[in-house]
N, C-alpha and C. Protein backbone atom coordinates (compact mmCIF):
# COMPACT_ATOMS: atom_id res chain seq x y z
N MET A 1 55.28 32.04 1.33
CA MET A 1 54.80 32.41 1.86
C MET A 1 53.55 33.95 2.14
N SER A 2 52.14 33.81 2.01
CA SER A 2 51.10 34.64 1.86
C SER A 2 51.19 34.80 3.57
N ASN A 3 51.27 36.39 3.99
CA ASN A 3 50.69 36.94 5.31
C ASN A 3 49.35 36.58 5.13
N THR A 4 48.56 35.51 6.61
CA THR A 4 47.22 34.96 6.62
C THR A 4 46.64 35.76 7.83
N GLN A 5 45.65 36.60 7.73
CA GLN A 5 45.59 37.69 8.94
C GLN A 5 44.43 36.14 10.07
N SER A 6 44.70 36.09 10.92
CA SER A 6 43.44 35.40 12.26
C SER A 6 42.36 36.25 11.96
N ARG A 7 41.55 35.96 11.56
CA ARG A 7 40.05 36.81 12.59
C ARG A 7 39.93 36.86 13.44
N THR A 8 39.99 37.03 14.79
CA THR A 8 38.70 36.19 15.50
C THR A 8 37.25 36.99 16.13
N PHE A 9 36.58 36.24 16.11
CA PHE A 9 34.79 37.15 16.27
C PHE A 9 34.86 37.20 17.90
N LYS A 10 34.56 38.63 18.10
CA LYS A 10 34.44 38.79 19.96
C LYS A 10 32.77 38.76 20.01
N ILE A 11 32.03 37.99 20.11
CA ILE A 11 30.84 37.40 20.67
C ILE A 11 29.41 37.89 22.12
N HIS A 12 30.18 39.22 22.22
CA HIS A 12 29.16 39.58 23.13
C HIS A 12 27.97 38.66 23.72
N PRO A 13 28.38 38.84 25.03
CA PRO A 13 27.34 37.88 26.25
C PRO A 13 26.13 38.22 25.80
N TYR A 14 24.96 39.69 25.75
CA TYR A 14 23.58 39.97 25.49
C TYR A 14 23.42 38.85 24.36
N PHE A 15 23.92 38.64 23.01
CA PHE A 15 23.93 38.48 21.68
C PHE A 15 24.40 36.46 21.81
N LYS A 16 24.18 36.46 22.95
CA LYS A 16 25.04 34.26 22.85
C LYS A 16 23.30 34.28 23.92
N ILE A 17 22.96 35.21 24.98
CA ILE A 17 21.61 35.30 25.34
C ILE A 17 20.16 35.29 24.93
N ILE A 18 20.74 36.15 24.43
CA ILE A 18 18.76 36.09 23.04
C ILE A 18 18.70 35.31 22.08
N PHE A 19 19.65 34.79 21.61
CA PHE A 19 19.66 33.75 20.65
C PHE A 19 19.98 32.37 21.07
N LEU A 20 20.34 32.01 23.10
CA LEU A 20 20.06 31.19 23.26
C LEU A 20 17.65 30.81 23.89
N ILE A 21 18.30 32.17 23.97
CA ILE A 21 16.45 32.15 24.07
C ILE A 21 15.73 31.69 23.00
N VAL A 22 16.09 32.17 22.06
CA VAL A 22 14.64 32.48 20.09
C VAL A 22 14.95 31.14 19.96
N THR A 23 17.11 30.13 20.17
CA THR A 23 16.51 29.44 20.29
C THR A 23 15.82 28.42 20.99
N GLY A 24 15.77 28.78 20.86
CA GLY A 24 15.11 27.80 22.97
C GLY A 24 13.38 28.07 22.47
N LEU A 25 12.42 29.09 22.24
CA LEU A 25 11.28 29.43 21.83
C LEU A 25 10.93 28.69 20.94
N THR A 26 11.93 28.84 19.05
CA THR A 26 11.90 28.14 18.62
C THR A 26 12.00 26.76 18.01
N LEU A 27 12.67 25.62 19.47
CA LEU A 27 12.58 24.64 19.30
C LEU A 27 11.28 24.01 19.76
N LEU A 28 11.16 24.84 21.12
CA LEU A 28 9.43 24.26 22.13
C LEU A 28 8.07 24.30 21.00
N CYS A 29 8.06 25.99 19.76
CA CYS A 29 6.84 25.70 19.08
C CYS A 29 7.27 24.84 18.15
N PHE A 30 8.42 23.67 18.19
CA PHE A 30 8.75 23.18 16.66
C PHE A 30 7.77 22.39 17.74
N LEU A 31 8.36 22.08 18.78
CA LEU A 31 7.74 20.96 19.59
C LEU A 31 6.18 21.06 19.34
N GLY A 32 6.28 21.48 20.23
CA GLY A 32 4.13 20.93 20.13
C GLY A 32 3.22 21.51 19.10
N MET A 33 4.34 22.04 18.47
CA MET A 33 3.39 21.56 16.87
C MET A 33 3.16 20.44 16.38
N TRP A 34 4.56 19.12 16.95
CA TRP A 34 4.58 17.85 16.44
C TRP A 34 4.32 17.18 17.54
N VAL A 35 3.87 17.76 18.54
CA VAL A 35 3.24 16.96 19.78
C VAL A 35 1.59 17.05 19.95
N LEU A 36 1.67 18.20 18.46
CA LEU A 36 -0.63 18.65 18.82
C LEU A 36 -0.67 17.66 17.12
N SER A 37 0.21 17.19 16.56
CA SER A 37 0.61 17.08 15.62
C SER A 37 -0.88 15.80 15.47
N PHE A 38 0.24 15.00 17.14
CA PHE A 38 -0.27 13.43 16.68
C PHE A 38 -1.21 13.00 17.98
N LEU A 39 -1.23 14.23 18.87
CA LEU A 39 -2.92 14.46 19.46
C LEU A 39 -4.19 13.83 19.13
N ASN A 40 -4.51 13.84 17.74
CA ASN A 40 -6.35 13.29 17.59
C ASN A 40 -5.70 12.71 16.47
N PRO A 41 -5.78 11.92 15.97
CA PRO A 41 -4.91 10.78 15.03
C PRO A 41 -6.39 10.38 13.83
N ASP A 42 -7.05 10.58 15.12
CA ASP A 42 -8.17 10.27 13.89
C ASP A 42 -8.91 10.90 12.26
N ALA A 43 -8.34 12.00 13.28
CA ALA A 43 -9.27 13.08 12.92
C ALA A 43 -8.78 12.66 11.00
N LYS A 44 -9.96 13.12 9.69
CA LYS A 44 -9.15 13.08 8.95
C LYS A 44 -9.93 14.66 8.02
N THR A 45 -9.88 15.68 8.35
CA THR A 45 -10.40 16.24 8.01
C THR A 45 -10.13 17.36 8.90
N MET A 46 -10.62 18.89 8.34
CA MET A 46 -9.89 20.25 9.98
C MET A 46 -10.95 20.06 10.48
N ALA A 47 -12.51 20.65 9.87
CA ALA A 47 -14.19 20.36 10.44
C ALA A 47 -13.48 19.25 12.04
N GLU A 48 -12.82 18.45 12.22
CA GLU A 48 -12.71 17.42 12.80
C GLU A 48 -12.21 17.16 14.07
N ILE A 49 -11.12 18.13 13.52
CA ILE A 49 -9.76 19.15 14.77
C ILE A 49 -10.49 19.88 16.00
N PRO A 50 -10.48 19.52 16.90
CA PRO A 50 -10.50 20.85 17.55
C PRO A 50 -10.52 22.16 17.15
N VAL A 51 -11.17 23.29 17.68
CA VAL A 51 -10.77 24.52 17.55
C VAL A 51 -9.41 24.94 18.40
N LEU A 52 -9.12 25.28 19.99
CA LEU A 52 -8.07 25.15 19.88
C LEU A 52 -7.52 24.58 19.97
N GLN A 53 -7.45 23.24 19.19
CA GLN A 53 -6.28 22.37 18.93
C GLN A 53 -5.23 23.45 17.77
N ASP A 54 -6.62 23.69 17.13
CA ASP A 54 -5.90 24.73 16.04
C ASP A 54 -5.40 25.53 15.78
N LYS A 55 -5.84 26.13 16.80
CA LYS A 55 -5.03 27.70 16.71
C LYS A 55 -4.12 27.65 17.99
N ILE A 56 -4.30 26.46 18.55
CA ILE A 56 -2.21 26.34 19.14
C ILE A 56 -1.03 25.61 18.06
N PHE A 57 -1.87 24.93 17.09
CA PHE A 57 -1.62 24.44 16.63
C PHE A 57 -0.87 25.75 15.08
N ARG A 58 -1.59 25.88 15.36
CA ARG A 58 -1.00 27.16 14.15
C ARG A 58 -0.73 28.93 14.54
N ILE A 59 -0.83 29.11 16.33
CA ILE A 59 0.61 29.57 17.32
C ILE A 59 2.02 29.05 17.25
N CYS A 60 1.89 28.04 17.20
CA CYS A 60 3.39 27.26 17.14
C CYS A 60 4.15 27.04 15.67
N ASN A 61 3.12 27.10 14.50
CA ASN A 61 3.70 27.58 12.86
C ASN A 61 3.98 28.86 12.75
N PHE A 62 3.88 29.71 13.43
CA PHE A 62 4.12 30.73 13.57
C PHE A 62 5.62 30.73 14.83
N GLY A 63 5.25 30.47 15.08
CA GLY A 63 6.40 30.76 16.42
C GLY A 63 7.70 29.94 15.51
N TRP A 64 7.55 28.51 15.62
CA TRP A 64 8.36 28.29 14.75
C TRP A 64 9.52 29.40 13.54
N GLN A 65 8.35 29.43 12.26
CA GLN A 65 9.06 30.03 11.47
C GLN A 65 9.04 31.68 11.93
N ALA A 66 8.73 31.88 12.56
CA ALA A 66 9.10 33.84 13.10
C ALA A 66 10.14 33.19 14.07
N GLY A 67 10.60 32.27 14.57
CA GLY A 67 11.73 31.42 16.23
C GLY A 67 12.99 31.13 14.60
N PHE A 68 12.81 31.14 13.34
CA PHE A 68 13.48 30.54 12.51
C PHE A 68 14.51 32.10 11.44
N GLY A 69 13.45 32.91 11.22
CA GLY A 69 14.22 33.43 10.72
C GLY A 69 14.66 35.27 11.66
N ALA A 70 14.02 35.03 13.20
CA ALA A 70 14.96 35.47 14.28
C ALA A 70 16.62 34.66 13.95
N ILE A 71 16.59 33.31 13.95
CA ILE A 71 17.86 33.19 14.38
C ILE A 71 19.03 33.47 12.74
N ILE A 72 18.53 33.51 11.37
CA ILE A 72 18.98 33.48 10.78
C ILE A 72 19.67 35.52 10.47
N GLY A 73 18.22 36.09 11.43
CA GLY A 73 18.63 37.92 10.63
C GLY A 73 19.77 37.66 12.11
N LEU A 74 19.24 37.31 14.06
CA LEU A 74 20.80 37.34 14.34
C LEU A 74 21.83 37.10 14.29
N ILE A 75 22.14 35.84 13.28
CA ILE A 75 23.27 35.62 13.50
C ILE A 75 24.35 36.53 11.67
N GLY A 76 22.95 37.07 10.66
CA GLY A 76 23.67 37.87 9.72
C GLY A 76 24.03 39.02 10.85
N GLY A 77 22.79 39.31 11.08
CA GLY A 77 23.43 41.09 12.05
C GLY A 77 24.98 41.16 12.99
N ASN A 78 25.15 40.38 14.17
CA ASN A 78 26.39 39.35 14.16
C ASN A 78 27.47 39.48 12.99
N LEU A 79 27.51 39.05 12.19
CA LEU A 79 28.35 38.45 10.79
C LEU A 79 29.25 39.86 10.48
N SER A 80 27.84 41.08 9.99
CA SER A 80 27.54 42.60 10.06
C SER A 80 28.69 43.28 10.44
N SER A 81 28.45 43.02 12.09
CA SER A 81 28.57 43.79 12.95
C SER A 81 30.13 44.00 13.34
N GLN A 82 30.67 42.78 12.28
CA GLN A 82 32.16 42.44 13.09
C GLN A 82 33.17 43.46 12.19
């Protein structure tokens, strides 16, 4: 039998808080974008969508994409520091 060394990962409480906040904001942006996409189902072109709705949609789109990148970065940074 070989000696297997068990690895234990210590997760800092601040990391948990930041991870939960980023995950929550990412999900909130994704949910907001999903809801906005169904608010005006009669619009066939971009010109028929209200300007404010389009801007909020773009903000939510950026928010979930940046949040997903931040989650990947947080996980990768935490694993590389171990």
